[in-house]
């Protein structure tokens, strides 16, 4: 099985080296998207057979397999956009058919071409693909304050929706550069504009800027424009539940809790009983690689965590409202770090449910407050649950911030 993957741009009359032209003229089986077929059709041999690359891709690779079965020594020539190894189809071939031989003839990818048009050095550019992908990598780049971000877009993640998301979470100190139909001299267009203009570039409010697909984006700023970020958010900066200062994990305790969760080595954090969202938000700011699932039984807390997430620039926290013990966890990512911020006296039941999905190397952390007026001692509940569930406890950390009740940071694992 042999694939030759040739990178092309949007130019309607592409230029190829003699070597690549020889491959095309002597080929029999070709493949690519609809746009690639339109560009390449005049150069294909008369007896060429074309295999469309459409979703679902499993059907495409089934057709490839049938082609190789009928003619084992054949070669399939695939046309792909830009560099086929840059979020490209050559990667897909290697993943789907790892035993196949793959030869690549790349051209510039769209982000390289946009940087060339802008005469912008791009060796320091953070690359993010939003083509059929979720926001996670883009959110991480924003939280880490990358000064230059190259984005591959699709019809859902447009310049407008990207600008709107950035403005919603306070990342406004960027200029957006949009390249459309790069490589096509009749349609190519490069526009540099503010996020405010980009955010209203489509729809009824403004028709000054509309961007045709395909397009790509480079976001640029200077590090001097980015305000400093505190390590440890002051408690007074959070929006609170009914203004109650006691309904938040205090900042020193919050940072110690994150340390107990060992988040640099974790991948998925569950915050159960998030209330204001202080644990989720602090974790997101300092460890943006994490996927965070936040749970809370009180519906009024949903608007509070969203307000705080916007205030502190932490997109990407998944919010679940309702009784955790009744929640369907089957479609959620497996956690390897769990913080229990509230249990309503049902700690053992909650921990049992957590253990049903917890990664083998995962940890559970809870903060116990010694309050004399509370009938049920959470430390006693914790110790009892750990003993009955066969969990190993780490040495507790005890701390008292002021003259009020001491706090014990508890941690266990299988």
Protein backbone atom coordinates (compact mmCIF):
# COMPACT_ATOMS: atom_id res chain seq x y z
CA UNK A 1 0.00 0.00 0.00
CA UNK A 2 1.50 3.29 -1.09
CA UNK A 3 0.21 6.85 -0.87
CA UNK A 4 1.78 9.91 -2.40
CA UNK A 5 0.29 12.98 -0.72
CA UNK A 6 0.72 16.25 -2.61
CA UNK A 7 0.06 19.57 -0.91
CA UNK A 8 -1.70 22.28 -2.92
CA UNK A 9 -3.06 25.77 -2.25
CA UNK A 10 -6.24 27.41 -3.53
CA UNK A 11 -4.50 28.60 -6.70
CA UNK A 12 -6.67 27.55 -9.70
CA UNK A 13 -3.54 26.89 -11.80
CA UNK A 14 -1.10 25.23 -9.40
CA UNK A 15 2.61 25.02 -10.13
CA UNK A 16 4.37 21.69 -9.65
CA UNK A 17 7.96 20.56 -10.07
CA UNK A 18 8.71 18.19 -12.96
CA UNK A 19 8.95 15.33 -10.46
CA UNK A 20 5.45 15.93 -9.09
CA UNK A 21 4.01 16.51 -12.57
CA UNK A 22 5.40 13.14 -13.63
CA UNK A 23 3.68 11.48 -10.65
CA UNK A 24 0.35 13.08 -11.61
CA UNK A 25 0.51 12.30 -15.33
CA UNK A 26 1.50 8.67 -14.76
CA UNK A 27 -1.02 8.07 -11.97
CA UNK A 28 -4.31 6.17 -12.14
CA UNK A 29 -5.95 6.51 -8.73
CA UNK A 30 -6.39 9.92 -7.15
CA UNK A 31 -8.14 11.25 -4.08
CA UNK A 32 -8.98 14.52 -2.38
CA UNK A 33 -11.79 16.84 -1.38
CA UNK A 34 -14.26 18.44 -3.74
CA UNK A 35 -12.28 21.68 -3.92
CA UNK A 36 -9.08 19.74 -4.65
CA UNK A 37 -10.81 17.89 -7.50
CA UNK A 38 -11.97 21.15 -9.07
CA UNK A 39 -8.42 22.51 -9.03
CA UNK A 40 -6.69 19.34 -10.23
CA UNK A 41 -9.20 18.03 -12.80
CA UNK A 42 -7.48 19.70 -15.84
CA UNK A 43 -4.16 17.99 -14.98
CA UNK A 44 -5.42 14.46 -14.39
CA UNK A 45 -4.99 11.67 -16.97
CA UNK A 46 -8.05 10.73 -19.01
CA UNK A 47 -8.35 7.33 -17.32
CA UNK A 48 -8.01 8.76 -13.81
CA UNK A 49 -10.24 7.34 -11.07
CA UNK A 50 -11.08 9.76 -8.28
CA UNK A 51 -11.96 8.85 -4.67
CA UNK A 52 -13.72 11.68 -2.85
CA UNK A 53 -12.59 12.41 0.69
CA UNK A 54 -15.81 12.97 2.60
CA UNK A 55 -17.04 12.17 6.08
CA UNK A 56 -17.33 9.61 7.48
CA UNK A 57 -13.68 8.86 6.73
CA UNK A 58 -14.12 5.15 7.47
CA UNK A 59 -15.97 4.83 4.16
CA UNK A 60 -13.08 6.55 2.36
CA UNK A 61 -10.51 4.17 3.81
CA UNK A 62 -12.70 1.20 3.00
CA UNK A 63 -12.58 2.35 -0.62
CA UNK A 64 -8.81 2.72 -0.40
CA UNK A 65 -8.53 -0.85 0.91
CA UNK A 66 -10.70 -2.19 -1.91
CA UNK A 67 -8.53 -0.35 -4.45
CA UNK A 68 -5.36 -1.91 -3.06
CA UNK A 69 -7.00 -5.37 -3.00
CA UNK A 70 -7.87 -5.08 -6.68
CA UNK A 71 -4.44 -3.76 -7.60
CA UNK A 72 -1.90 -4.51 -4.83
CA UNK A 73 1.01 -2.69 -6.49
CA UNK A 74 -0.91 0.50 -7.21
CA UNK A 75 -0.29 3.92 -5.73
CA UNK A 76 -3.01 6.34 -4.63
CA UNK A 77 -2.14 9.98 -5.18
CA UNK A 78 -3.86 12.20 -2.62
CA UNK A 79 -4.19 15.96 -2.86
CA UNK A 80 -4.37 17.85 0.43
CA UNK A 81 -4.27 21.48 1.49
CA UNK A 82 -0.88 22.97 2.35
CA UNK A 83 1.47 20.71 4.27
CA UNK A 84 -0.21 17.27 4.56
CA UNK A 85 1.67 16.66 7.83
CA UNK A 86 0.40 19.90 9.40
CA UNK A 87 -2.97 18.84 10.87
CA UNK A 88 -3.28 17.23 7.46
CA UNK A 89 -4.47 14.10 5.70
CA UNK A 90 -1.08 12.37 5.76
CA UNK A 91 -1.47 12.14 9.54
CA UNK A 92 -4.86 10.50 9.07
CA UNK A 93 -3.43 7.94 6.65
CA UNK A 94 -0.69 7.04 9.11
CA UNK A 95 -3.26 6.60 11.86
CA UNK A 96 -5.78 4.62 9.81
CA UNK A 97 -3.30 2.55 7.77
CA UNK A 98 -0.09 2.38 9.80
CA UNK A 99 1.48 -0.22 7.49
CA UNK A 100 1.10 1.94 4.36
CA UNK A 101 4.04 3.69 2.74
CA UNK A 102 3.49 7.45 2.69
CA UNK A 103 5.47 9.94 0.60
CA UNK A 104 4.75 13.67 1.05
CA UNK A 105 5.28 16.63 -1.28
CA UNK A 106 4.24 19.62 0.84
CA UNK A 107 3.61 23.24 0.04
CA UNK A 108 3.14 26.15 2.44
CA UNK A 109 0.25 25.72 4.85
CA UNK A 110 -2.34 28.49 5.20
CA UNK A 111 -0.89 29.95 8.40
CA UNK A 112 2.56 30.15 6.85
CA UNK A 113 1.09 31.96 3.84
CA UNK A 114 -0.79 34.39 6.09
CA UNK A 115 2.41 35.13 8.04
CA UNK A 116 4.21 35.69 4.72
CA UNK A 117 1.54 38.16 3.57
CA UNK A 118 1.86 40.01 6.89
CA UNK A 119 5.68 39.81 6.81
CA UNK A 120 5.34 38.42 10.33
CA UNK A 121 7.95 36.07 11.84
CA UNK A 122 6.10 32.95 12.94
CA UNK A 123 8.73 30.81 14.68
CA UNK A 124 7.16 31.77 18.01
CA UNK A 125 3.53 31.25 16.98
CA UNK A 126 1.30 28.93 19.02
CA UNK A 127 -0.70 26.75 16.61
CA UNK A 128 -4.29 25.76 17.36
CA UNK A 129 -6.65 23.79 15.15
CA UNK A 130 -10.36 24.41 15.62
CA UNK A 131 -11.21 22.46 12.47
CA UNK A 132 -13.74 19.95 13.74
CA UNK A 133 -12.21 20.23 17.21
CA UNK A 134 -13.42 21.66 20.55
CA UNK A 135 -12.21 24.91 22.11
CA UNK A 136 -9.81 23.25 24.60
CA UNK A 137 -6.44 24.01 22.94
CA UNK A 138 -7.52 27.54 22.04
CA UNK A 139 -8.68 28.23 25.59
CA UNK A 140 -5.35 26.91 26.90
CA UNK A 141 -3.42 29.26 24.60
CA UNK A 142 -5.46 32.23 25.86
CA UNK A 143 -5.09 31.35 29.53
CA UNK A 144 -1.34 30.89 29.04
CA UNK A 145 -1.35 34.29 27.33
CA UNK A 146 0.38 33.27 24.14
CA UNK A 147 1.40 36.47 22.37
CA UNK A 148 0.87 35.04 18.87
CA UNK A 149 -1.73 32.38 18.06
CA UNK A 150 -2.31 30.81 14.65
CA UNK A 151 -5.78 29.30 14.24
CA UNK A 152 -7.15 26.87 11.68
CA UNK A 153 -10.88 27.57 11.50
CA UNK A 154 -14.02 25.84 10.25
CA UNK A 155 -17.59 26.95 9.54
CA UNK A 156 -18.50 26.80 13.25
CA UNK A 157 -15.34 28.36 14.67
CA UNK A 158 -15.36 31.53 12.58
CA UNK A 159 -13.45 34.79 13.09
CA UNK A 160 -16.63 36.23 14.59
CA UNK A 161 -17.29 33.43 17.10
CA UNK A 162 -13.61 33.35 18.08
CA UNK A 163 -13.57 37.11 18.70
CA UNK A 164 -16.79 36.88 20.72
CA UNK A 165 -15.33 34.15 22.95
CA UNK A 166 -12.18 36.18 23.53
CA UNK A 167 -14.16 39.27 24.48
CA UNK A 168 -16.48 37.30 26.78
CA UNK A 169 -13.51 36.13 28.86
CA UNK A 170 -11.59 39.40 28.77
CA UNK A 171 -8.85 38.59 26.24
CA UNK A 172 -9.27 41.85 24.33
CA UNK A 173 -5.67 42.97 23.79
CA UNK A 174 -5.22 41.17 20.50
CA UNK A 175 -5.34 42.15 16.85
CA UNK A 176 -6.97 39.61 14.54
CA UNK A 177 -5.48 38.96 11.10
CA UNK A 178 -7.71 36.93 8.78
CA UNK A 179 -6.56 35.31 5.54
CA UNK A 180 -9.20 34.16 3.05
CA UNK A 181 -8.64 31.88 0.04
CA UNK A 182 -4.89 32.12 0.48
CA UNK A 183 -3.04 31.12 -2.67
CA UNK A 184 -5.91 32.04 -4.99
CA UNK A 185 -4.94 35.35 -6.68
CA UNK A 186 -8.53 36.13 -7.69
CA UNK A 187 -10.04 35.61 -4.22
CA UNK A 188 -7.22 36.01 -1.72
CA UNK A 189 -7.80 38.64 0.93
CA UNK A 190 -5.99 39.57 4.14
CA UNK A 191 -7.71 41.73 6.76
CA UNK A 192 -6.35 43.03 10.07
CA UNK A 193 -8.94 44.28 12.54
CA UNK A 194 -9.80 44.67 16.20
CA UNK A 195 -11.68 41.99 18.11
CA UNK A 196 -14.58 44.41 18.46
CA UNK A 197 -14.91 44.67 14.69
CA UNK A 198 -14.38 40.95 14.19
CA UNK A 199 -16.99 40.02 16.81
CA UNK A 200 -19.75 41.81 14.90
CA UNK A 201 -18.48 40.93 11.44
CA UNK A 202 -21.49 38.78 10.59
CA UNK A 203 -25.20 38.99 11.18
CA UNK A 204 -27.66 41.84 11.03
CA UNK A 205 -25.70 44.29 13.18
CA UNK A 206 -22.80 44.87 10.83
CA UNK A 207 -21.86 43.87 7.30
CA UNK A 208 -18.55 45.75 7.12
CA UNK A 209 -16.52 42.55 7.47
CA UNK A 210 -17.66 39.17 6.23
CA UNK A 211 -15.15 36.35 5.89
CA UNK A 212 -15.41 33.64 3.29
CA UNK A 213 -14.39 30.07 3.95
CA UNK A 214 -11.71 28.74 3.84
CA UNK A 215 -9.92 31.17 6.09
CA UNK A 216 -7.36 31.12 8.87
CA UNK A 217 -6.41 33.53 11.63
CA UNK A 218 -3.35 34.88 13.37
CA UNK A 219 -3.92 36.67 16.69
CA UNK A 220 -1.10 38.96 17.78
CA UNK A 221 -0.38 41.09 20.81
CA UNK A 222 2.66 42.21 22.78
CA UNK A 223 3.42 40.79 26.19
CA UNK A 224 3.69 44.34 27.56
CA UNK A 225 -0.05 44.74 26.91
CA UNK A 226 -0.99 41.76 29.07
CA UNK A 227 -1.78 42.70 32.69
CA UNK A 228 -0.02 40.72 35.42
CA UNK A 229 -1.94 37.83 36.95
CA UNK A 230 -1.87 37.17 40.69
CA UNK A 231 -0.95 33.76 42.03
CA UNK A 232 -3.91 33.19 44.29
CA UNK A 233 -7.08 35.16 43.58
CA UNK A 234 -8.16 37.38 46.50
CA UNK A 235 -11.41 36.12 48.01
CA UNK A 236 -12.98 39.57 47.75
CA UNK A 237 -12.66 39.50 43.94
CA UNK A 238 -15.13 36.63 43.55
CA UNK A 239 -18.86 37.00 43.07
CA UNK A 240 -20.33 35.15 46.07
CA UNK A 241 -23.48 33.16 46.79
CA UNK A 242 -25.87 35.65 48.43
CA UNK A 243 -22.82 37.71 49.37
CA UNK A 244 -21.83 35.13 51.98
CA UNK A 245 -18.07 35.27 52.52
CA UNK A 246 -18.06 31.89 54.26
CA UNK A 247 -19.32 30.17 51.10
CA UNK A 248 -15.92 30.16 49.42
CA UNK A 249 -12.72 28.20 49.90
CA UNK A 250 -10.34 30.84 51.25
CA UNK A 251 -7.35 31.63 49.07
CA UNK A 252 -4.56 30.03 51.20
CA UNK A 253 -6.69 26.91 51.66
CA UNK A 254 -7.51 26.93 47.96
CA UNK A 255 -3.84 26.89 46.97
CA UNK A 256 -3.04 24.13 49.46
CA UNK A 257 -5.98 22.16 48.09
CA UNK A 258 -4.64 22.46 44.55
CA UNK A 259 -1.28 21.25 45.83
CA UNK A 260 -2.94 18.24 47.47
CA UNK A 261 -4.69 17.40 44.20
CA UNK A 262 -1.25 17.24 42.51
CA UNK A 263 -2.65 18.96 39.43
CA UNK A 264 0.53 19.28 37.30
CA UNK A 265 0.37 15.49 36.78
CA UNK A 266 -3.42 15.24 36.42
CA UNK A 267 -5.60 15.41 33.33
CA UNK A 268 -9.23 15.62 34.47
CA UNK A 269 -10.43 17.42 37.62
CA UNK A 270 -13.93 17.00 39.05
CA UNK A 271 -15.04 19.78 41.43
CA UNK A 272 -18.09 18.48 43.29
CA UNK A 273 -20.07 21.19 45.06
CA UNK A 274 -18.39 24.13 43.31
CA UNK A 275 -20.60 26.94 44.77
CA UNK A 276 -18.72 30.07 43.56
CA UNK A 277 -16.35 28.02 41.41
CA UNK A 278 -13.22 29.22 43.21
CA UNK A 279 -11.45 25.84 43.10
CA UNK A 280 -12.29 25.22 39.43
CA UNK A 281 -11.29 28.74 38.40
CA UNK A 282 -8.00 28.82 40.32
CA UNK A 283 -7.14 25.38 38.95
CA UNK A 284 -8.00 26.47 35.40
CA UNK A 285 -5.80 29.56 35.64
CA UNK A 286 -2.71 27.76 36.88
CA UNK A 287 -3.19 24.40 35.15
CA UNK A 288 -4.96 25.15 31.84
CA UNK A 289 -4.14 21.71 30.47
CA UNK A 290 -6.82 20.27 32.77
CA UNK A 291 -10.28 19.30 31.66
CA UNK A 292 -12.53 20.48 34.48
CA UNK A 293 -16.03 19.16 35.25
CA UNK A 294 -17.80 21.21 37.95
CA UNK A 295 -20.88 19.91 39.80
CA UNK A 296 -23.36 21.79 42.00
CA UNK A 297 -26.85 20.99 43.29
CA UNK A 298 -27.96 24.63 43.70
CA UNK A 299 -29.22 26.13 40.39
CA UNK A 300 -28.40 29.69 41.48
CA UNK A 301 -24.70 28.82 41.51
CA UNK A 302 -24.60 28.36 37.74
CA UNK A 303 -24.78 32.10 37.04
CA UNK A 304 -22.21 32.75 39.79
CA UNK A 305 -19.54 30.42 38.40
CA UNK A 306 -20.14 31.75 34.87
CA UNK A 307 -19.76 35.31 36.13
CA UNK A 308 -16.54 34.42 37.91
CA UNK A 309 -15.20 32.49 34.91
CA UNK A 310 -15.71 35.56 32.72
CA UNK A 311 -14.22 37.83 35.38
CA UNK A 312 -11.00 35.82 35.68
CA UNK A 313 -10.65 34.68 32.07
CA UNK A 314 -11.23 30.94 32.47
CA UNK A 315 -13.20 29.54 29.54
CA UNK A 316 -13.74 25.80 29.18
CA UNK A 317 -15.10 24.75 32.59
CA UNK A 318 -17.95 22.28 32.05
CA UNK A 319 -20.84 22.94 34.45
CA UNK A 320 -23.33 20.33 35.70
CA UNK A 321 -26.29 21.41 37.83
CA UNK A 322 -28.24 18.84 39.85
CA UNK A 323 -27.84 16.13 42.46
CA UNK A 324 -24.45 14.48 41.91
CA UNK A 325 -25.74 11.17 43.27
CA UNK A 326 -28.36 11.11 40.49
CA UNK A 327 -26.09 12.37 37.72
CA UNK A 328 -25.30 10.25 34.66
CA UNK A 329 -21.50 10.10 34.58
CA UNK A 330 -21.17 7.65 31.69
CA UNK A 331 -20.33 10.27 29.07
CA UNK A 332 -17.93 12.31 31.17
CA UNK A 333 -14.13 11.99 31.04
CA UNK A 334 -12.61 9.74 33.69
CA UNK A 335 -11.28 11.90 36.54
CA UNK A 336 -7.86 11.41 38.09
CA UNK A 337 -8.37 14.22 40.63
CA UNK A 338 -11.60 14.87 42.55
CA UNK A 339 -12.32 17.65 45.04
CA UNK A 340 -15.41 17.30 47.22
CA UNK A 341 -16.51 20.75 48.32
CA UNK A 342 -19.88 19.70 49.67
CA UNK A 343 -21.55 16.39 50.46
CA UNK A 344 -24.79 17.11 52.33
CA UNK A 345 -24.12 14.35 54.83
CA UNK A 346 -23.88 11.72 52.09
CA UNK A 347 -20.10 11.57 51.85
CA UNK A 348 -19.76 7.78 51.69
CA UNK A 349 -22.39 7.53 48.94
CA UNK A 350 -20.65 10.31 47.02
CA UNK A 351 -17.22 8.71 47.37
CA UNK A 352 -18.62 5.35 46.30
CA UNK A 353 -19.94 6.92 43.11
CA UNK A 354 -16.63 8.70 42.52
CA UNK A 355 -14.74 5.43 42.93
CA UNK A 356 -16.87 3.85 40.21
CA UNK A 357 -15.26 6.18 37.66
CA UNK A 358 -11.99 7.32 39.29
CA UNK A 359 -8.80 6.50 37.39
CA UNK A 360 -6.69 3.80 39.11
CA UNK A 361 -4.05 6.36 40.11
CA UNK A 362 -6.58 9.08 40.99
CA UNK A 363 -6.93 10.99 44.26
CA UNK A 364 -9.83 12.43 46.25
CA UNK A 365 -9.41 15.58 48.34
CA UNK A 366 -11.78 17.24 50.80
CA UNK A 367 -11.48 20.08 53.32
CA UNK A 368 -12.94 19.49 56.76
CA UNK A 369 -13.90 22.45 58.94
CA UNK A 370 -14.14 21.94 62.69
CA UNK A 371 -17.35 23.76 63.60
CA UNK A 372 -18.81 23.18 67.09
CA UNK A 373 -22.41 23.87 66.07
CA UNK A 374 -22.37 21.35 63.21
CA UNK A 375 -24.04 18.07 64.24
CA UNK A 376 -22.25 15.87 61.70
CA UNK A 377 -18.46 16.03 61.86
CA UNK A 378 -17.15 15.82 58.27
CA UNK A 379 -13.79 14.47 59.48
CA UNK A 380 -15.55 11.55 61.17
CA UNK A 381 -17.60 10.92 58.02
CA UNK A 382 -14.41 10.98 55.95
CA UNK A 383 -12.52 8.57 58.20
CA UNK A 384 -15.45 6.19 58.32
CA UNK A 385 -15.96 6.28 54.54
CA UNK A 386 -12.25 5.70 53.86
CA UNK A 387 -12.17 2.74 56.23
CA UNK A 388 -15.32 1.11 54.83
CA UNK A 389 -14.29 1.68 51.22
CA UNK A 390 -10.74 0.44 51.79
CA UNK A 391 -9.06 3.72 50.85
CA UNK A 392 -5.54 4.74 51.82
CA UNK A 393 -5.26 8.15 53.44
CA UNK A 394 -2.35 10.54 53.10
CA UNK A 395 -1.17 12.47 56.16
CA UNK A 396 -3.72 15.28 56.72
CA UNK A 397 -2.68 18.94 56.58
CA UNK A 398 -4.13 21.06 59.38
CA UNK A 399 -4.22 24.84 59.18
CA UNK A 400 -5.93 27.68 61.04
CA UNK A 401 -6.07 31.04 59.25
CA UNK A 402 -7.44 33.11 62.12
CA UNK A 403 -9.22 32.78 65.43
CA UNK A 404 -11.99 30.85 63.76
CA UNK A 405 -12.30 27.11 63.14
CA UNK A 406 -9.28 25.05 62.03
CA UNK A 407 -9.35 23.35 58.65
CA UNK A 408 -8.01 19.91 57.76
CA UNK A 409 -7.09 19.10 54.16
CA UNK A 410 -7.82 15.42 53.61
CA UNK A 411 -6.58 13.22 50.80
CA UNK A 412 -7.09 9.57 49.90
CA UNK A 413 -6.53 7.09 47.12
CA UNK A 414 -7.19 3.45 46.36
